[in-house]
C-alpha cells in the first residue's frame, strides 16, 4: 500500500526512546502482547458466532463508529438476520473479523506469512459478504430521505405559486405573475419525478439487498465459512508466529511500535496524495465539475485512506491503553465513513438514472439527487481535512 512493501524492514525502537515517552510503553514481550490481542479478538468472533443460538445476544465486539454495520435503523423493515434478532451477532462477527484482519496485516512480519495471508483473505471475504445487505438498506434509506428533503421545498413553492395563487387578493396578472408561474412549473419537475425516482431506487436497491441477504445466508452455511471459524477457533488458543523470527521474544515496545509506525507512515503518504487544498471549502463547486469516471477514481483514493486509517486504529489497539489517543483519528474516520456512504449513494443515483426508458422528470430528480450526494462527498472531504490538519501539521509521529 502507498508504494511500500508490507515486509519492509523497520528499525527497532530503543528502550531509551520508550522511556523518554516518544513511544507507548507496553509491558511484556511482542509474542505475549500480540498473542493476547489475537486471542481476545478470536474469542469475540466465537462469542458472536454463538449468539444466534442464545437468541441474538450482544456481540461483545466493542465496535467503534466505523466498525458498526452502518447508521441507525428504525426497525420498520428488517429481513433475515435483522429480523430474527441476530443483527448484533452479525455486527460482532464483522467487527472481530476486521480487527483480526487488520492486526494480521500490520504485524504480518512476525507471523507465519502463508497462514496470516490466507486467514486475512477469508476474514475480509466474510466481513464484506455479511455487510453488503445492510449497506444496501442504509443506502436506500439515505437516498429516500434525501429525495424527501429535496422535494419538500419544491413542493411548497409549487403549492404557493401554483393554481391556488390565482385566488389570492391583490395578485397582479402582469409579468410578475407570469414569472412566478414559470418558476413554479420549473420547480415542480422535482416533486413530480421524485416519487418515480424513489420507486425506481427502492426497486433496484431492494433487489440488490435481497440478493445480498441470500449470499450472506449461503456464506454462513458454506464449508468456506466453517473453515474460517475453525481457523479462528485455533487462533483463540495459539498464534502461529514465525519459527525463525527471534524478535517475538523481545519487549513489545521494540518490536510492535515500529510496525505500527510503518502503518502510520503509509497513512500519512496516502493523505499527502489527496487534494486537500481543493477540498478546503465545505461545498466545493469545482469538485462537482467532473465526469462519473473521474469521480470513481478520486473516490477510490479517499477510500484507500479510510482503510489505512482503520488499520492504524487497529494497530494502536494492539499497543494497548498507553498508545496515542485516537480522538483525532476517530473524528477523521467518521468523516471518511460519511464520504464512503455519500459516494456510494451518488453512484446508486447515477446508476438508476442510466435505466433505459425512464421519464425525463424521473431522470431530472435522480440528477438532482446525484448532485446533492456529491455535495455531501465534498463536505465530508472538507471535514476530514479539518480534523486531519492539526496532526498533519507536525508530520507523522517519529
Protein backbone atom coordinates (compact mmCIF):
# COMPACT_ATOMS: atom_id res chain seq x y z
CA UNK A 1 0.00 0.00 0.00
CA UNK A 2 1.04 3.57 -0.73
CA UNK A 3 4.11 2.28 -2.54
CA UNK A 4 5.58 0.45 0.45
CA UNK A 5 6.12 -3.23 0.97
CA UNK A 6 4.33 -4.68 3.96
CA UNK A 7 7.53 -6.66 4.71
CA UNK A 8 9.82 -3.65 4.67
CA UNK A 9 12.49 -3.68 7.35
CA UNK A 10 11.94 -1.19 10.17
CA UNK A 11 14.46 -0.13 12.74
CA UNK A 12 13.82 -1.34 16.29
CA UNK A 13 12.89 1.22 18.92
CA UNK A 14 15.34 1.51 21.78
CA UNK A 15 14.31 1.31 25.42
CA UNK A 16 15.74 4.81 25.97
CA UNK A 17 13.31 6.19 23.40
CA UNK A 18 10.44 4.35 25.05
CA UNK A 19 11.34 5.67 28.46
CA UNK A 20 11.64 9.18 27.02
CA UNK A 21 7.94 8.99 26.19
CA UNK A 22 8.21 9.18 22.41
CA UNK A 23 6.55 5.77 22.02
CA UNK A 24 3.98 3.93 24.17
CA UNK A 25 5.39 1.64 26.84
CA UNK A 26 3.82 -1.80 26.51
CA UNK A 27 4.57 -4.43 29.11
CA UNK A 28 5.53 -7.94 28.01
CA UNK A 29 7.15 -9.48 25.01
CA UNK A 30 5.92 -8.99 21.46
CA UNK A 31 4.60 -12.55 21.41
CA UNK A 32 2.64 -12.00 24.62
CA UNK A 33 1.11 -8.66 23.64
CA UNK A 34 0.23 -9.56 20.06
CA UNK A 35 -0.84 -13.06 21.06
CA UNK A 36 -3.18 -11.74 23.75
CA UNK A 37 -4.76 -9.32 21.30
CA UNK A 38 -5.32 -12.01 18.67
CA UNK A 39 -6.73 -14.38 21.29
CA UNK A 40 -9.14 -11.70 22.51
CA UNK A 41 -10.44 -10.85 19.02
CA UNK A 42 -10.80 -14.55 18.19
CA UNK A 43 -12.82 -15.05 21.38
CA UNK A 44 -15.09 -12.14 20.38
CA UNK A 45 -15.59 -13.75 16.98
CA UNK A 46 -16.57 -17.05 18.57
CA UNK A 47 -18.92 -15.39 21.07
CA UNK A 48 -20.68 -13.59 18.24
CA UNK A 49 -20.86 -16.87 16.34
CA UNK A 50 -22.72 -18.49 19.26
CA UNK A 51 -25.00 -15.51 19.87
CA UNK A 52 -27.83 -16.51 17.45
CA UNK A 53 -28.23 -19.79 19.30
CA UNK A 54 -28.77 -17.80 22.52
CA UNK A 55 -31.42 -15.66 20.90
CA UNK A 56 -29.31 -12.89 19.38
CA UNK A 57 -27.30 -11.66 22.34
CA UNK A 58 -24.72 -8.91 22.23
CA UNK A 59 -21.75 -9.17 20.01
CA UNK A 60 -19.12 -8.46 22.63
CA UNK A 61 -17.18 -6.75 19.87
CA UNK A 62 -16.98 -3.28 21.28
CA UNK A 63 -17.22 -1.82 17.79
CA UNK A 64 -16.28 1.75 17.12
CA UNK A 65 -18.11 4.20 14.86
CA UNK A 66 -16.67 2.80 11.66
CA UNK A 67 -16.91 -0.76 12.93
CA UNK A 68 -20.67 -0.75 13.19
CA UNK A 69 -22.65 -2.01 10.22
CA UNK A 70 -23.87 1.49 9.47
CA UNK A 71 -26.27 4.22 10.64
CA UNK A 72 -29.17 3.58 13.00
CA UNK A 73 -32.25 1.95 11.55
CA UNK A 74 -35.84 2.48 12.59
CA UNK A 75 -36.64 -1.24 12.55
CA UNK A 76 -39.62 -0.83 10.25
CA UNK A 77 -38.20 -3.09 7.55
CA UNK A 78 -35.86 -5.85 8.62
CA UNK A 79 -35.11 -9.03 6.76
CA UNK A 80 -33.04 -12.08 7.51
CA UNK A 81 -30.56 -11.72 10.36
CA UNK A 82 -32.08 -8.37 11.33
CA UNK A 83 -35.50 -9.92 11.69
CA UNK A 84 -34.61 -12.86 13.92
CA UNK A 85 -32.60 -10.79 16.40
CA UNK A 86 -29.18 -11.86 15.13
CA UNK A 87 -28.13 -8.41 13.91
CA UNK A 88 -25.83 -7.75 16.93
CA UNK A 89 -24.16 -11.11 16.32
CA UNK A 90 -23.57 -10.27 12.64
CA UNK A 91 -22.11 -6.90 13.62
CA UNK A 92 -19.89 -8.65 16.17
CA UNK A 93 -18.64 -11.12 13.58
CA UNK A 94 -17.80 -8.30 11.19
CA UNK A 95 -16.08 -6.14 13.81
CA UNK A 96 -13.97 -9.03 15.12
CA UNK A 97 -13.12 -10.14 11.57
CA UNK A 98 -11.96 -6.63 10.62
CA UNK A 99 -9.86 -6.25 13.76
CA UNK A 100 -8.25 -9.65 13.28
CA UNK A 101 -7.56 -8.92 9.62
CA UNK A 102 -6.04 -5.54 10.45
CA UNK A 103 -3.71 -7.00 13.08
CA UNK A 104 -2.68 -9.80 10.74
CA UNK A 105 -1.79 -7.26 8.05
CA UNK A 106 0.17 -4.81 10.21
CA UNK A 107 2.07 -7.39 12.23
CA UNK A 108 2.48 -9.92 9.42
CA UNK A 109 6.33 -9.92 9.59
CA UNK A 110 6.08 -11.63 12.99
CA UNK A 111 3.59 -14.29 11.92
CA UNK A 112 3.61 -17.27 9.60
CA UNK A 113 3.10 -15.48 6.28
CA UNK A 114 1.08 -18.16 4.48
CA UNK A 115 -1.26 -18.63 7.42
CA UNK A 116 -1.69 -14.88 8.01
CA UNK A 117 -2.38 -14.07 4.35
CA UNK A 118 -4.84 -16.93 3.97
CA UNK A 119 -6.83 -16.11 7.10
CA UNK A 120 -6.83 -12.39 6.38
CA UNK A 121 -8.25 -13.01 2.90
CA UNK A 122 -11.02 -15.18 4.31
CA UNK A 123 -11.87 -12.71 7.07
CA UNK A 124 -12.10 -9.91 4.51
CA UNK A 125 -14.44 -12.04 2.38
CA UNK A 126 -16.64 -12.80 5.38
CA UNK A 127 -16.84 -9.20 6.62
CA UNK A 128 -17.68 -7.93 3.13
CA UNK A 129 -20.32 -10.57 2.50
CA UNK A 130 -22.08 -10.02 5.82
CA UNK A 131 -22.04 -6.24 5.49
CA UNK A 132 -23.45 -5.96 2.00
CA UNK A 133 -27.10 -6.45 2.93
CA UNK A 134 -27.18 -3.64 5.44
CA UNK A 135 -25.13 -1.40 3.14
CA UNK A 136 -27.91 -1.57 0.53
CA UNK A 137 -30.60 -0.96 3.15
CA UNK A 138 -28.76 2.07 4.57
CA UNK A 139 -28.13 3.40 1.05
CA UNK A 140 -31.81 3.19 0.18
CA UNK A 141 -32.78 4.90 3.41
CA UNK A 142 -30.29 7.67 2.76
CA UNK A 143 -31.44 8.26 -0.81
CA UNK A 144 -35.15 8.25 0.02
CA UNK A 145 -34.53 10.67 2.87
CA UNK A 146 -32.58 12.97 0.56
CA UNK A 147 -35.34 12.81 -2.06
CA UNK A 148 -37.92 13.75 0.55
CA UNK A 149 -35.76 16.64 1.74
CA UNK A 150 -35.10 17.91 -1.80
CA UNK A 151 -38.70 17.58 -2.98
CA UNK A 152 -40.17 19.26 0.11
CA UNK A 153 -39.23 22.88 -0.64
CA UNK A 154 -40.05 22.46 -4.33
CA UNK A 155 -43.46 21.10 -3.42
CA UNK A 156 -44.02 24.07 -1.12
CA UNK A 157 -43.06 26.50 -3.88
CA UNK A 158 -45.37 24.74 -6.28
CA UNK A 159 -48.24 24.99 -3.82
CA UNK A 160 -47.52 28.68 -3.18
CA UNK A 161 -47.14 29.70 -6.80
CA UNK A 162 -49.35 27.13 -8.48
CA UNK A 163 -53.06 27.21 -9.36
CA UNK A 164 -54.01 28.15 -5.79
CA UNK A 165 -52.30 31.53 -6.10
CA UNK A 166 -54.76 32.83 -8.63
CA UNK A 167 -57.42 33.26 -5.95
CA UNK A 168 -55.27 35.43 -3.68
CA UNK A 169 -56.31 39.04 -3.32
CA UNK A 170 -54.26 41.84 -4.84
CA UNK A 171 -52.24 39.43 -7.02
CA UNK A 172 -51.33 41.20 -10.27
CA UNK A 173 -51.84 39.37 -13.51
CA UNK A 174 -48.87 41.01 -15.20
CA UNK A 175 -45.34 39.91 -15.87
CA UNK A 176 -44.57 39.19 -12.19
CA UNK A 177 -47.35 36.62 -12.05
CA UNK A 178 -46.15 35.08 -15.30
CA UNK A 179 -42.61 34.78 -13.95
CA UNK A 180 -43.95 33.14 -10.75
CA UNK A 181 -45.91 30.58 -12.72
CA UNK A 182 -42.87 29.72 -14.85
CA UNK A 183 -40.74 29.26 -11.73
CA UNK A 184 -43.41 27.05 -10.20
CA UNK A 185 -43.59 24.87 -13.31
CA UNK A 186 -39.78 24.54 -13.36
CA UNK A 187 -39.55 23.59 -9.70
CA UNK A 188 -42.47 21.18 -9.95
CA UNK A 189 -40.29 18.86 -12.05
CA UNK A 190 -38.53 17.58 -8.94
CA UNK A 191 -41.59 16.56 -6.87
CA UNK A 192 -43.25 15.10 -9.96
CA UNK A 193 -40.21 12.93 -10.67
CA UNK A 194 -39.25 12.34 -7.04
CA UNK A 195 -41.94 9.73 -6.43
CA UNK A 196 -40.96 7.79 -9.53
CA UNK A 197 -37.26 8.14 -8.74
CA UNK A 198 -37.90 6.85 -5.22
CA UNK A 199 -39.85 3.88 -6.56
CA UNK A 200 -37.07 3.08 -9.03
CA UNK A 201 -34.37 3.29 -6.36
CA UNK A 202 -36.42 1.19 -3.97
CA UNK A 203 -36.95 -1.49 -6.60
CA UNK A 204 -33.28 -1.64 -7.59
CA UNK A 205 -31.76 -1.47 -4.10
CA UNK A 206 -34.31 -3.84 -2.56
CA UNK A 207 -33.45 -6.38 -5.23
CA UNK A 208 -29.75 -5.91 -4.52
CA UNK A 209 -30.41 -6.23 -0.78
CA UNK A 210 -32.37 -9.44 -1.28
CA UNK A 211 -29.53 -10.93 -3.31
CA UNK A 212 -27.02 -9.85 -0.67
CA UNK A 213 -29.15 -11.47 2.02
CA UNK A 214 -29.25 -14.73 0.07
CA UNK A 215 -25.49 -14.56 -0.45
CA UNK A 216 -24.94 -14.00 3.30
CA UNK A 217 -27.10 -16.98 4.22
CA UNK A 218 -25.30 -19.11 1.66
CA UNK A 219 -21.92 -17.97 3.00
CA UNK A 220 -22.85 -18.73 6.62
CA UNK A 221 -23.80 -22.26 5.66
CA UNK A 222 -20.81 -22.93 3.41
CA UNK A 223 -17.75 -25.07 4.03
CA UNK A 224 -15.65 -21.95 3.46
CA UNK A 225 -17.22 -20.22 6.46
CA UNK A 226 -16.79 -23.28 8.66
CA UNK A 227 -13.13 -23.39 7.68
CA UNK A 228 -12.77 -19.75 8.75
CA UNK A 229 -14.49 -20.50 12.05
CA UNK A 230 -12.17 -23.45 12.66
CA UNK A 231 -9.09 -21.33 11.95
CA UNK A 232 -10.30 -18.62 14.33
CA UNK A 233 -11.03 -21.23 16.98
CA UNK A 234 -7.42 -22.40 16.76
CA UNK A 235 -6.26 -18.79 16.92
CA UNK A 236 -8.14 -18.34 20.19
CA UNK A 237 -5.62 -20.64 21.85
CA UNK A 238 -2.45 -20.32 19.78
CA UNK A 239 -0.99 -17.66 17.49
CA UNK A 240 1.38 -19.12 14.85
CA UNK A 241 4.46 -16.89 14.99
CA UNK A 242 7.30 -17.37 12.52
CA UNK A 243 9.65 -20.08 13.71
CA UNK A 244 12.72 -18.16 12.54
CA UNK A 245 11.63 -14.81 13.98
CA UNK A 246 13.69 -14.03 17.07
CA UNK A 247 12.07 -10.64 17.64
CA UNK A 248 8.89 -12.11 19.10
CA UNK A 249 10.72 -12.72 22.36
CA UNK A 250 11.91 -9.11 22.65
CA UNK A 251 9.99 -6.42 24.57
CA UNK A 252 6.86 -5.44 22.70
CA UNK A 253 7.82 -1.78 22.52
CA UNK A 254 10.93 -2.56 20.48
CA UNK A 255 9.08 -4.77 18.01
CA UNK A 256 5.41 -3.77 17.70
CA UNK A 257 5.77 0.01 17.76
CA UNK A 258 7.96 0.18 14.60
CA UNK A 259 5.39 -1.88 12.71
CA UNK A 260 2.59 0.37 13.93
CA UNK A 261 4.67 3.38 12.91
CA UNK A 262 5.03 1.89 9.44
CA UNK A 263 1.22 1.80 9.21
CA UNK A 264 1.07 5.45 10.29
CA UNK A 265 3.58 6.46 7.63
CA UNK A 266 1.63 4.62 4.95
CA UNK A 267 -1.45 6.55 6.04
CA UNK A 268 0.46 9.85 6.00
CA UNK A 269 1.71 9.12 2.47
CA UNK A 270 -1.80 8.35 1.25
CA UNK A 271 -3.21 11.51 2.84
CA UNK A 272 -0.42 13.57 1.30
CA UNK A 273 -1.56 12.40 -2.14
CA UNK A 274 -5.11 13.69 -1.57
CA UNK A 275 -6.15 17.07 -2.99
CA UNK A 276 -6.84 18.52 0.46
CA UNK A 277 -6.25 22.08 -0.74
CA UNK A 278 -9.02 21.70 -3.30
CA UNK A 279 -11.30 20.27 -0.61
CA UNK A 280 -10.73 23.36 1.52
CA UNK A 281 -14.33 24.55 1.18
CA UNK A 282 -17.29 22.67 2.67
CA UNK A 283 -19.21 22.67 -0.63
CA UNK A 284 -16.66 22.78 -3.39
CA UNK A 285 -18.25 23.65 -6.74
CA UNK A 286 -15.02 22.81 -8.57
CA UNK A 287 -15.18 19.31 -7.11
CA UNK A 288 -18.52 18.73 -8.84
CA UNK A 289 -17.31 19.64 -12.35
CA UNK A 290 -16.07 16.22 -13.30
CA UNK A 291 -17.24 13.09 -15.07
CA UNK A 292 -18.55 9.97 -13.39
CA UNK A 293 -15.36 8.10 -14.29
CA UNK A 294 -13.27 10.79 -12.61
CA UNK A 295 -15.48 10.59 -9.53
CA UNK A 296 -14.82 6.87 -9.24
CA UNK A 297 -11.04 7.33 -9.50
CA UNK A 298 -10.94 10.11 -6.91
CA UNK A 299 -13.31 8.31 -4.55
CA UNK A 300 -11.00 5.29 -4.66
CA UNK A 301 -8.11 7.36 -3.30
CA UNK A 302 -10.22 8.56 -0.38
CA UNK A 303 -11.45 5.03 0.27
CA UNK A 304 -7.83 3.87 0.42
CA UNK A 305 -7.16 6.48 3.11
CA UNK A 306 -10.21 5.27 5.05
CA UNK A 307 -8.91 1.70 5.02
CA UNK A 308 -5.41 2.76 6.03
CA UNK A 309 -6.74 4.91 8.85
CA UNK A 310 -8.73 1.99 10.18
CA UNK A 311 -5.63 -0.20 10.01
CA UNK A 312 -3.78 2.40 12.09
CA UNK A 313 -6.50 2.36 14.70
CA UNK A 314 -6.40 -1.41 14.94
CA UNK A 315 -2.59 -1.38 15.08
CA UNK A 316 -2.72 1.00 18.03
CA UNK A 317 -5.32 -1.17 19.75
CA UNK A 318 -2.66 -3.86 19.94
CA UNK A 319 -0.36 -1.42 21.72
CA UNK A 320 -2.92 -1.00 24.47
CA UNK A 321 -4.20 1.89 26.52
CA UNK A 322 -0.77 3.58 26.52
CA UNK A 323 -0.91 4.18 22.78
CA UNK A 324 -1.51 7.63 21.31
CA UNK A 325 -5.09 8.90 21.91
CA UNK A 326 -7.43 8.17 19.00
CA UNK A 327 -9.66 11.24 19.25
CA UNK A 328 -8.47 12.95 16.07
CA UNK A 329 -8.17 9.72 14.10
CA UNK A 330 -11.67 8.72 15.16
CA UNK A 331 -13.14 12.05 14.01
CA UNK A 332 -11.30 11.79 10.69
CA UNK A 333 -12.54 8.21 10.35
CA UNK A 334 -16.13 9.31 10.87
CA UNK A 335 -15.73 11.92 8.13
CA UNK A 336 -14.36 9.28 5.76
CA UNK A 337 -17.23 6.96 6.62
CA UNK A 338 -19.68 9.71 5.68
CA UNK A 339 -17.66 10.16 2.48
CA UNK A 340 -18.00 6.46 1.68
CA UNK A 341 -21.76 6.46 2.24
CA UNK A 342 -22.34 9.61 0.20
CA UNK A 343 -20.18 8.50 -2.72
CA UNK A 344 -21.92 5.11 -2.83
CA UNK A 345 -25.33 6.80 -2.73
CA UNK A 346 -24.33 9.14 -5.55
CA UNK A 347 -23.21 6.17 -7.64
CA UNK A 348 -26.54 4.43 -6.99
CA UNK A 349 -28.45 7.52 -8.14
CA UNK A 350 -26.33 7.76 -11.30
CA UNK A 351 -26.87 4.06 -11.99
CA UNK A 352 -30.63 4.45 -11.61
CA UNK A 353 -30.58 7.46 -13.95
CA UNK A 354 -28.98 5.26 -16.60
CA UNK A 355 -32.04 2.97 -16.61
CA UNK A 356 -33.47 2.82 -20.17
CA UNK A 357 -36.79 4.47 -21.00
CA UNK A 358 -37.35 6.42 -17.79
CA UNK A 359 -39.38 9.63 -17.85
CA UNK A 360 -37.50 12.94 -18.14
CA UNK A 361 -38.89 14.11 -14.77
CA UNK A 362 -37.55 10.93 -13.13
CA UNK A 363 -34.11 11.41 -14.69
CA UNK A 364 -34.13 15.04 -13.58
CA UNK A 365 -34.93 14.09 -9.98
CA UNK A 366 -32.17 11.48 -9.98
CA UNK A 367 -29.72 14.03 -11.37
CA UNK A 368 -30.58 16.47 -8.58
CA UNK A 369 -30.19 13.62 -6.08
CA UNK A 370 -26.78 12.70 -7.51
CA UNK A 371 -25.61 16.31 -7.26
CA UNK A 372 -26.86 16.50 -3.66
CA UNK A 373 -24.88 13.43 -2.66
CA UNK A 374 -21.76 14.72 -4.42
CA UNK A 375 -22.11 17.88 -2.35
CA UNK A 376 -22.14 15.62 0.71
CA UNK A 377 -18.97 13.97 -0.59
CA UNK A 378 -17.23 17.33 -0.84
CA UNK A 379 -18.46 18.34 2.62
CA UNK A 380 -17.06 15.09 4.08
CA UNK A 381 -13.70 15.77 2.41
CA UNK A 382 -13.67 19.23 3.94
CA UNK A 383 -14.48 17.76 7.37
CA UNK A 384 -11.66 15.23 7.04
CA UNK A 385 -9.16 17.95 6.16
CA UNK A 386 -10.36 19.99 9.13
CA UNK A 387 -9.84 17.08 11.54
CA UNK A 388 -6.58 15.92 9.98
CA UNK A 389 -4.82 19.27 9.61
CA UNK A 390 -3.66 19.68 13.25
CA UNK A 391 -2.00 16.29 13.22
CA UNK A 392 -0.51 16.58 9.75
CA UNK A 393 0.97 19.97 10.58
CA UNK A 394 3.66 18.23 12.59
CA UNK A 395 4.02 15.31 10.24
CA UNK A 396 3.76 11.65 11.17
CA UNK A 397 4.87 10.64 14.59
CA UNK A 398 8.57 9.74 14.73
